[in-house]
PDB file of N, CA and C in Angstrom:
ATOM      1  N   MET A   1     233.297 282.791 108.623  1.00  0.00           N
ATOM      2  CA  MET A   1     234.329 283.817 108.638  1.00  0.00           C
ATOM      3  C   MET A   1     234.582 284.298 107.208  1.00  0.00           C
ATOM      4  N   GLU A   2     234.630 285.586 107.024  1.00  0.00           N
ATOM      5  CA  GLU A   2     234.828 286.164 105.704  1.00  0.00           C
ATOM      6  C   GLU A   2     236.297 286.074 105.305  1.00  0.00           C
ATOM      7  N   GLU A   3     236.528 285.583 104.088  1.00  0.00           N
ATOM      8  CA  GLU A   3     237.890 285.468 103.580  1.00  0.00           C
ATOM      9  C   GLU A   3     238.289 286.788 102.927  1.00  0.00           C
ATOM     10  N   LYS A   4     239.456 287.286 103.313  1.00  0.00           N
ATOM     11  CA  LYS A   4     239.918 288.542 102.737  1.00  0.00           C
ATOM     12  C   LYS A   4     240.647 288.271 101.430  1.00  0.00           C
ATOM     13  N   ASN A   5     240.439 289.138 100.475  1.00  0.00           N
ATOM     14  CA  ASN A   5     241.130 289.064  99.204  1.00  0.00           C
ATOM     15  C   ASN A   5     242.381 289.939  99.318  1.00  0.00           C
ATOM     16  N   THR A   6     243.537 289.331  99.251  1.00  0.00           N
ATOM     17  CA  THR A   6     244.785 290.077  99.414  1.00  0.00           C
ATOM     18  C   THR A   6     245.731 289.803  98.260  1.00  0.00           C
ATOM     19  N   PHE A   7     246.716 290.676  98.129  1.00  0.00           N
ATOM     20  CA  PHE A   7     247.808 290.460  97.191  1.00  0.00           C
ATOM     21  C   PHE A   7     249.046 291.126  97.767  1.00  0.00           C
ATOM     22  N   THR A   8     250.191 290.761  97.261  1.00  0.00           N
ATOM     23  CA  THR A   8     251.452 291.276  97.771  1.00  0.00           C
ATOM     24  C   THR A   8     252.136 292.108  96.696  1.00  0.00           C
ATOM     25  N   VAL A   9     252.661 293.254  97.105  1.00  0.00           N
ATOM     26  CA  VAL A   9     253.450 294.103  96.209  1.00  0.00           C
ATOM     27  C   VAL A   9     254.835 294.279  96.825  1.00  0.00           C
ATOM     28  N   ILE A  10     255.776 294.635  95.996  1.00  0.00           N
ATOM     29  CA  ILE A  10     257.134 294.935  96.456  1.00  0.00           C
ATOM     30  C   ILE A  10     257.306 296.444  96.371  1.00  0.00           C
ATOM     31  N   ASN A  11     257.647 297.080  97.507  1.00  0.00           N
ATOM     32  CA  ASN A  11     257.808 298.534  97.497  1.00  0.00           C
ATOM     33  C   ASN A  11     259.187 298.933  96.958  1.00  0.00           C
ATOM     34  N   ASP A  12     259.462 300.225  96.952  1.00  0.00           N
ATOM     35  CA  ASP A  12     260.717 300.741  96.391  1.00  0.00           C
ATOM     36  C   ASP A  12     261.957 300.229  97.114  1.00  0.00           C
ATOM     37  N   GLU A  13     261.800 299.847  98.388  1.00  0.00           N
ATOM     38  CA  GLU A  13     262.927 299.328  99.164  1.00  0.00           C
ATOM     39  C   GLU A  13     263.068 297.810  99.041  1.00  0.00           C
ATOM     40  N   GLY A  14     262.217 297.169  98.221  1.00  0.00           N
ATOM     41  CA  GLY A  14     262.281 295.734  98.040  1.00  0.00           C
ATOM     42  C   GLY A  14     261.535 294.942  99.102  1.00  0.00           C
ATOM     43  N   LYS A  15     260.762 295.614  99.945  1.00  0.00           N
ATOM     44  CA  LYS A  15     260.008 294.963 101.013  1.00  0.00           C
ATOM     45  C   LYS A  15     258.642 294.531 100.495  1.00  0.00           C
ATOM     46  N   GLU A  16     258.218 293.314 100.889  1.00  0.00           N
ATOM     47  CA  GLU A  16     256.894 292.826 100.509  1.00  0.00           C
ATOM     48  C   GLU A  16     255.830 293.478 101.390  1.00  0.00           C
ATOM     49  N   ILE A  17     254.789 293.990 100.760  1.00  0.00           N
ATOM     50  CA  ILE A  17     253.677 294.621 101.456  1.00  0.00           C
ATOM     51  C   ILE A  17     252.395 293.876 101.076  1.00  0.00           C
ATOM     52  N   VAL A  18     251.667 293.396 102.082  1.00  0.00           N
ATOM     53  CA  VAL A  18     250.387 292.726 101.834  1.00  0.00           C
ATOM     54  C   VAL A  18     249.301 293.792 101.795  1.00  0.00           C
ATOM     55  N   CYS A  19     248.521 293.767 100.727  1.00  0.00           N
ATOM     56  CA  CYS A  19     247.432 294.732 100.553  1.00  0.00           C
ATOM     57  C   CYS A  19     246.092 293.995 100.544  1.00  0.00           C
ATOM     58  N   ASP A  20     245.076 294.641 101.111  1.00  0.00           N
ATOM     59  CA  ASP A  20     243.713 294.129 101.094  1.00  0.00           C
ATOM     60  C   ASP A  20     242.947 294.777  99.957  1.00  0.00           C
ATOM     61  N   VAL A  21     242.271 293.964  99.155  1.00  0.00           N
ATOM     62  CA  VAL A  21     241.422 294.491  98.088  1.00  0.00           C
ATOM     63  C   VAL A  21     240.125 294.967  98.726  1.00  0.00           C
ATOM     64  N   LEU A  22     239.793 296.241  98.525  1.00  0.00           N
ATOM     65  CA  LEU A  22     238.537 296.785  99.042  1.00  0.00           C
ATOM     66  C   LEU A  22     237.405 296.481  98.073  1.00  0.00           C
ATOM     67  N   PHE A  23     237.632 296.741  96.790  1.00  0.00           N
ATOM     68  CA  PHE A  23     236.674 296.384  95.759  1.00  0.00           C
ATOM     69  C   PHE A  23     237.299 296.565  94.390  1.00  0.00           C
ATOM     70  N   THR A  24     236.664 295.978  93.394  1.00  0.00           N
ATOM     71  CA  THR A  24     237.055 296.164  91.998  1.00  0.00           C
ATOM     72  C   THR A  24     235.815 296.597  91.237  1.00  0.00           C
ATOM     73  N   PHE A  25     236.030 297.260  90.121  1.00  0.00           N
ATOM     74  CA  PHE A  25     234.894 297.635  89.278  1.00  0.00           C
ATOM     75  C   PHE A  25     235.363 297.888  87.859  1.00  0.00           C
ATOM     76  N   ASP A  26     234.410 297.778  86.937  1.00  0.00           N
ATOM     77  CA  ASP A  26     234.654 298.085  85.535  1.00  0.00           C
ATOM     78  C   ASP A  26     233.933 299.379  85.209  1.00  0.00           C
ATOM     79  N   SER A  27     234.600 300.228  84.450  1.00  0.00           N
ATOM     80  CA  SER A  27     233.985 301.488  84.045  1.00  0.00           C
ATOM     81  C   SER A  27     233.528 301.390  82.593  1.00  0.00           C
ATOM     82  N   GLU A  28     232.248 301.626  82.394  1.00  0.00           N
ATOM     83  CA  GLU A  28     231.726 301.665  81.024  1.00  0.00           C
ATOM     84  C   GLU A  28     232.290 302.873  80.282  1.00  0.00           C
ATOM     85  N   GLU A  29     232.533 303.944  81.020  1.00  0.00           N
ATOM     86  CA  GLU A  29     233.029 305.178  80.412  1.00  0.00           C
ATOM     87  C   GLU A  29     234.445 305.016  79.847  1.00  0.00           C
ATOM     88  N   THR A  30     235.336 304.395  80.624  1.00  0.00           N
ATOM     89  CA  THR A  30     236.734 304.262  80.185  1.00  0.00           C
ATOM     90  C   THR A  30     237.042 302.905  79.566  1.00  0.00           C
ATOM     91  N   LYS A  31     236.135 301.947  79.749  1.00  0.00           N
ATOM     92  CA  LYS A  31     236.330 300.572  79.266  1.00  0.00           C
ATOM     93  C   LYS A  31     237.536 299.908  79.922  1.00  0.00           C
ATOM     94  N   LYS A  32     237.791 300.256  81.202  1.00  0.00           N
ATOM     95  CA  LYS A  32     238.908 299.681  81.949  1.00  0.00           C
ATOM     96  C   LYS A  32     238.393 299.089  83.252  1.00  0.00           C
ATOM     97  N   SER A  33     239.220 298.208  83.829  1.00  0.00           N
ATOM     98  CA  SER A  33     238.926 297.615  85.141  1.00  0.00           C
ATOM     99  C   SER A  33     239.831 298.264  86.174  1.00  0.00           C
ATOM    100  N   TYR A  34     239.263 298.523  87.352  1.00  0.00           N
ATOM    101  CA  TYR A  34     240.005 299.193  88.422  1.00  0.00           C
ATOM    102  C   TYR A  34     239.983 298.353  89.684  1.00  0.00           C
ATOM    103  N   ILE A  35     241.046 298.480  90.464  1.00  0.00           N
ATOM    104  CA  ILE A  35     241.135 297.813  91.757  1.00  0.00           C
ATOM    105  C   ILE A  35     241.420 298.885  92.802  1.00  0.00           C
ATOM    106  N   VAL A  36     240.668 298.865  93.885  1.00  0.00           N
ATOM    107  CA  VAL A  36     240.850 299.811  94.986  1.00  0.00           C
ATOM    108  C   VAL A  36     241.294 298.983  96.186  1.00  0.00           C
ATOM    109  N   TYR A  37     242.401 299.396  96.799  1.00  0.00           N
ATOM    110  CA  TYR A  37     243.014 298.567  97.837  1.00  0.00           C
ATOM    111  C   TYR A  37     243.691 299.425  98.908  1.00  0.00           C
ATOM    112  N   THR A  38     244.108 298.760  99.992  1.00  0.00           N
ATOM    113  CA  THR A  38     244.800 299.450 101.073  1.00  0.00           C
ATOM    114  C   THR A  38     245.940 298.579 101.580  1.00  0.00           C
ATOM    115  N   ASP A  39     246.978 299.240 102.083  1.00  0.00           N
ATOM    116  CA  ASP A  39     248.056 298.510 102.757  1.00  0.00           C
ATOM    117  C   ASP A  39     247.887 298.634 104.278  1.00  0.00           C
ATOM    118  N   ASN A  40     246.734 299.188 104.678  1.00  0.00           N
ATOM    119  CA  ASN A  40     246.347 299.342 106.086  1.00  0.00           C
ATOM    120  C   ASN A  40     247.267 300.274 106.879  1.00  0.00           C
ATOM    121  N   THR A  41     247.949 301.177 106.191  1.00  0.00           N
ATOM    122  CA  THR A  41     248.698 302.222 106.881  1.00  0.00           C
ATOM    123  C   THR A  41     247.791 303.437 106.990  1.00  0.00           C
ATOM    124  N   THR A  42     248.175 304.379 107.850  1.00  0.00           N
ATOM    125  CA  THR A  42     247.357 305.578 108.038  1.00  0.00           C
ATOM    126  C   THR A  42     248.154 306.828 107.720  1.00  0.00           C
ATOM    127  N   ASP A  43     247.418 307.894 107.398  1.00  0.00           N
ATOM    128  CA  ASP A  43     248.057 309.182 107.147  1.00  0.00           C
ATOM    129  C   ASP A  43     248.212 309.942 108.461  1.00  0.00           C
ATOM    130  N   ASP A  44     248.657 311.189 108.373  1.00  0.00           N
ATOM    131  CA  ASP A  44     248.900 312.012 109.571  1.00  0.00           C
ATOM    132  C   ASP A  44     247.637 312.237 110.402  1.00  0.00           C
ATOM    133  N   LYS A  45     246.464 312.150 109.765  1.00  0.00           N
ATOM    134  CA  LYS A  45     245.204 312.389 110.462  1.00  0.00           C
ATOM    135  C   LYS A  45     244.548 311.104 110.968  1.00  0.00           C
ATOM    136  N   GLY A  46     245.222 309.969 110.759  1.00  0.00           N
ATOM    137  CA  GLY A  46     244.683 308.695 111.226  1.00  0.00           C
ATOM    138  C   GLY A  46     243.761 308.009 110.240  1.00  0.00           C
ATOM    139  N   ASN A  47     243.639 308.553 109.025  1.00  0.00           N
ATOM    140  CA  ASN A  47     242.801 307.925 108.005  1.00  0.00           C
ATOM    141  C   ASN A  47     243.566 306.797 107.326  1.00  0.00           C
ATOM    142  N   VAL A  48     242.887 305.695 107.058  1.00  0.00           N
ATOM    143  CA  VAL A  48     243.508 304.577 106.357  1.00  0.00           C
ATOM    144  C   VAL A  48     243.780 305.000 104.916  1.00  0.00           C
ATOM    145  N   LYS A  49     244.995 304.736 104.458  1.00  0.00           N
ATOM    146  CA  LYS A  49     245.373 305.089 103.088  1.00  0.00           C
ATOM    147  C   LYS A  49     244.741 304.096 102.115  1.00  0.00           C
ATOM    148  N   VAL A  50     244.122 304.639 101.060  1.00  0.00           N
ATOM    149  CA  VAL A  50     243.473 303.839 100.031  1.00  0.00           C
ATOM    150  C   VAL A  50     244.115 304.187  98.693  1.00  0.00           C
ATOM    151  N   TYR A  51     244.357 303.158  97.886  1.00  0.00           N
ATOM    152  CA  TYR A  51     244.997 303.329  96.588  1.00  0.00           C
ATOM    153  C   TYR A  51     244.105 302.747  95.506  1.00  0.00           C
ATOM    154  N   ALA A  52     244.330 303.167  94.271  1.00  0.00           N
ATOM    155  CA  ALA A  52     243.584 302.620  93.141  1.00  0.00           C
ATOM    156  C   ALA A  52     244.527 302.474  91.960  1.00  0.00           C
ATOM    157  N   SER A  53     244.277 301.451  91.176  1.00  0.00           N
ATOM    158  CA  SER A  53     245.075 301.199  89.975  1.00  0.00           C
ATOM    159  C   SER A  53     244.180 300.584  88.918  1.00  0.00           C
ATOM    160  N   ILE A  54     244.668 300.613  87.700  1.00  0.00           N
ATOM    161  CA  ILE A  54     244.034 299.891  86.606  1.00  0.00           C
ATOM    162  C   ILE A  54     244.620 298.482  86.633  1.00  0.00           C
ATOM    163  N   TYR A  55     243.800 297.485  86.310  1.00  0.00           N
ATOM    164  CA  TYR A  55     244.314 296.121  86.213  1.00  0.00           C
ATOM    165  C   TYR A  55     243.531 295.348  85.170  1.00  0.00           C
ATOM    166  N   ASP A  56     244.082 294.219  84.757  1.00  0.00           N
ATOM    167  CA  ASP A  56     243.416 293.343  83.803  1.00  0.00           C
ATOM    168  C   ASP A  56     242.952 292.100  84.546  1.00  0.00           C
ATOM    169  N   PRO A  57     241.636 291.948  84.775  1.00  0.00           N
ATOM    170  CA  PRO A  57     241.136 290.807  85.545  1.00  0.00           C
ATOM    171  C   PRO A  57     241.349 289.467  84.839  1.00  0.00           C
ATOM    172  N   ASN A  58     241.699 289.497  83.566  1.00  0.00           N
ATOM    173  CA  ASN A  58     241.883 288.260  82.806  1.00  0.00           C
ATOM    174  C   ASN A  58     243.310 287.713  82.897  1.00  0.00           C
ATOM    175  N   LYS A  59     244.224 288.489  83.449  1.00  0.00           N
ATOM    176  CA  LYS A  59     245.600 288.023  83.596  1.00  0.00           C
ATOM    177  C   LYS A  59     245.733 287.218  84.878  1.00  0.00           C
ATOM    178  N   GLU A  60     246.503 286.138  84.810  1.00  0.00           N
ATOM    179  CA  GLU A  60     246.697 285.297  85.992  1.00  0.00           C
ATOM    180  C   GLU A  60     247.461 286.048  87.072  1.00  0.00           C
ATOM    181  N   LYS A  61     248.503 286.771  86.690  1.00  0.00           N
ATOM    182  CA  LYS A  61     249.284 287.557  87.647  1.00  0.00           C
ATOM    183  C   LYS A  61     248.854 289.023  87.506  1.00  0.00           C
ATOM    184  N   THR A  62     248.381 289.592  88.608  1.00  0.00           N
ATOM    185  CA  THR A  62     247.868 290.962  88.585  1.00  0.00           C
ATOM    186  C   THR A  62     249.001 291.963  88.415  1.00  0.00           C
ATOM    187  N   GLU A  63     248.868 292.801  87.424  1.00  0.00           N
ATOM    188  CA  GLU A  63     249.814 293.899  87.211  1.00  0.00           C
ATOM    189  C   GLU A  63     249.058 295.198  87.451  1.00  0.00           C
ATOM    190  N   LEU A  64     249.545 296.002  88.394  1.00  0.00           N
ATOM    191  CA  LEU A  64     248.899 297.275  88.705  1.00  0.00           C
ATOM    192  C   LEU A  64     249.442 298.355  87.788  1.00  0.00           C
ATOM    193  N   ILE A  65     248.525 299.044  87.120  1.00  0.00           N
ATOM    194  CA  ILE A  65     248.897 300.093  86.182  1.00  0.00           C
ATOM    195  C   ILE A  65     248.452 301.426  86.775  1.00  0.00           C
ATOM    196  N   PRO A  66     249.352 302.405  86.846  1.00  0.00           N
ATOM    197  CA  PRO A  66     248.988 303.696  87.449  1.00  0.00           C
ATOM    198  C   PRO A  66     247.853 304.399  86.699  1.00  0.00           C
ATOM    199  N   ILE A  67     247.029 305.083  87.463  1.00  0.00           N
ATOM    200  CA  ILE A  67     245.964 305.912  86.901  1.00  0.00           C
ATOM    201  C   ILE A  67     246.568 307.291  86.641  1.00  0.00           C
ATOM    202  N   GLU A  68     246.421 307.768  85.415  1.00  0.00           N
ATOM    203  CA  GLU A  68     247.126 308.987  85.045  1.00  0.00           C
ATOM    204  C   GLU A  68     246.224 310.146  84.624  1.00  0.00           C
ATOM    205  N   THR A  69     244.925 309.890  84.502  1.00  0.00           N
ATOM    206  CA  THR A  69     244.070 310.989  84.036  1.00  0.00           C
ATOM    207  C   THR A  69     243.162 311.486  85.155  1.00  0.00           C
ATOM    208  N   ASP A  70     242.894 312.771  85.135  1.00  0.00           N
ATOM    209  CA  ASP A  70     241.982 313.373  86.118  1.00  0.00           C
ATOM    210  C   ASP A  70     240.582 312.779  85.996  1.00  0.00           C
ATOM    211  N   ARG A  71     240.174 312.469  84.774  1.00  0.00           N
ATOM    212  CA  ARG A  71     238.845 311.906  84.536  1.00  0.00           C
ATOM    213  C   ARG A  71     238.694 310.571  85.277  1.00  0.00           C
ATOM    214  N   GLU A  72     239.712 309.713  85.185  1.00  0.00           N
ATOM    215  CA  GLU A  72     239.653 308.426  85.869  1.00  0.00           C
ATOM    216  C   GLU A  72     239.632 308.609  87.384  1.00  0.00           C
ATOM    217  N   TRP A  73     240.450 309.533  87.899  1.00  0.00           N
ATOM    218  CA  TRP A  73     240.454 309.787  89.348  1.00  0.00           C
ATOM    219  C   TRP A  73     239.084 310.279  89.810  1.00  0.00           C
ATOM    220  N   LYS A  74     238.439 311.087  88.993  1.00  0.00           N
ATOM    221  CA  LYS A  74     237.118 311.616  89.358  1.00  0.00           C
ATOM    222  C   LYS A  74     236.097 310.473  89.465  1.00  0.00           C
ATOM    223  N   ILE A  75     236.163 309.516  88.558  1.00  0.00           N
ATOM    224  CA  ILE A  75     235.270 308.355  88.603  1.00  0.00           C
ATOM    225  C   ILE A  75     235.484 307.589  89.910  1.00  0.00           C
ATOM    226  N   ILE A  76     236.738 307.347  90.257  1.00  0.00           N
ATOM    227  CA  ILE A  76     237.065 306.600  91.470  1.00  0.00           C
ATOM    228  C   ILE A  76     236.646 307.373  92.717  1.00  0.00           C
ATOM    229  N   GLU A  77     236.920 308.667  92.744  1.00  0.00           N
ATOM    230  CA  GLU A  77     236.535 309.494  93.895  1.00  0.00           C
ATOM    231  C   GLU A  77     235.025 309.499  94.092  1.00  0.00           C
ATOM    232  N   THR A  78     234.272 309.539  93.004  1.00  0.00           N
ATOM    233  CA  THR A  78     232.809 309.523  93.091  1.00  0.00           C
ATOM    234  C   THR A  78     232.329 308.215  93.715  1.00  0.00           C
ATOM    235  N   ILE A  79     232.898 307.097  93.304  1.00  0.00           N
ATOM    236  CA  ILE A  79     232.516 305.799  93.867  1.00  0.00           C
ATOM    237  C   ILE A  79     232.887 305.733  95.348  1.00  0.00           C
ATOM    238  N   LEU A  80     234.100 306.182  95.696  1.00  0.00           N
ATOM    239  CA  LEU A  80     234.518 306.168  97.105  1.00  0.00           C
ATOM    240  C   LEU A  80     233.615 307.053  97.963  1.00  0.00           C
ATOM    241  N   ASP A  81     233.253 308.231  97.444  1.00  0.00           N
ATOM    242  CA  ASP A  81     232.353 309.127  98.188  1.00  0.00           C
ATOM    243  C   ASP A  81     230.995 308.468  98.414  1.00  0.00           C
ATOM    244  N   THR A  82     230.483 307.780  97.404  1.00  0.00           N
ATOM    245  CA  THR A  82     229.192 307.107  97.513  1.00  0.00           C
ATOM    246  C   THR A  82     229.247 306.009  98.566  1.00  0.00           C
ATOM    247  N   ILE A  83     230.303 305.220  98.553  1.00  0.00           N
ATOM    248  CA  ILE A  83     230.459 304.136  99.534  1.00  0.00           C
ATOM    249  C   ILE A  83     230.572 304.713 100.938  1.00  0.00           C
ATOM    250  N   GLN A  84     231.356 305.783 101.083  1.00  0.00           N
ATOM    251  CA  GLN A  84     231.524 306.404 102.409  1.00  0.00           C
ATOM    252  C   GLN A  84     230.188 306.947 102.920  1.00  0.00           C
ATOM    253  N   GLU A  85     229.415 307.568 102.035  1.00  0.00           N
ATOM    254  CA  GLU A  85     228.099 308.097 102.417  1.00  0.00           C
ATOM    255  C   GLU A  85     227.180 306.965 102.875  1.00  0.00           C
ATOM    256  N   GLU A  86     227.184 305.854 102.133  1.00  0.00           N
ATOM    257  CA  GLU A  86     226.336 304.722 102.493  1.00  0.00           C
ATOM    258  C   GLU A  86     226.747 304.156 103.845  1.00  0.00           C
ATOM    259  N   ASN A  87     228.047 304.073 104.104  1.00  0.00           N
ATOM    260  CA  ASN A  87     228.531 303.562 105.388  1.00  0.00           C
ATOM    261  C   ASN A  87     228.163 304.501 106.534  1.00  0.00           C
ATOM    262  N   ASN A  88     228.198 305.791 106.300  1.00  0.00           N
ATOM    263  CA  ASN A  88     227.849 306.768 107.334  1.00  0.00           C
ATOM    264  C   ASN A  88     226.354 306.739 107.649  1.00  0.00           C
ATOM    265  N   ASN A  89     225.533 306.349 106.680  1.00  0.00           N
ATOM    266  CA  ASN A  89     224.083 306.302 106.870  1.00  0.00           C
ATOM    267  C   ASN A  89     223.620 305.002 107.528  1.00  0.00           C
ATOM    268  N   ASN A  90     224.507 304.022 107.643  1.00  0.00           N
ATOM    269  CA  ASN A  90     224.118 302.730 108.236  1.00  0.00           C
ATOM    270  C   ASN A  90     224.507 302.643 109.683  1.00  0.00           C
TER     271      ASN A  90
END
């Protein structure tokens, strides 16, 4: 049985939300580490909501740092598009 990698965040209302880590990666371009995750909620169209943040893999307690540049979002979107394409082809 595959073990899921999860972490818990506290939302704006103080409620604990368990999130599943989809994947992590390091960008040579930005020299940062990113985490892509979901809280398994869906949008109006039924798509699972996916989030991404910057994080430091060397810290014991994970701190999610917001992504603020268009360049970083483009890197993440490209990776997500590639993964989605690979999944659609299998």
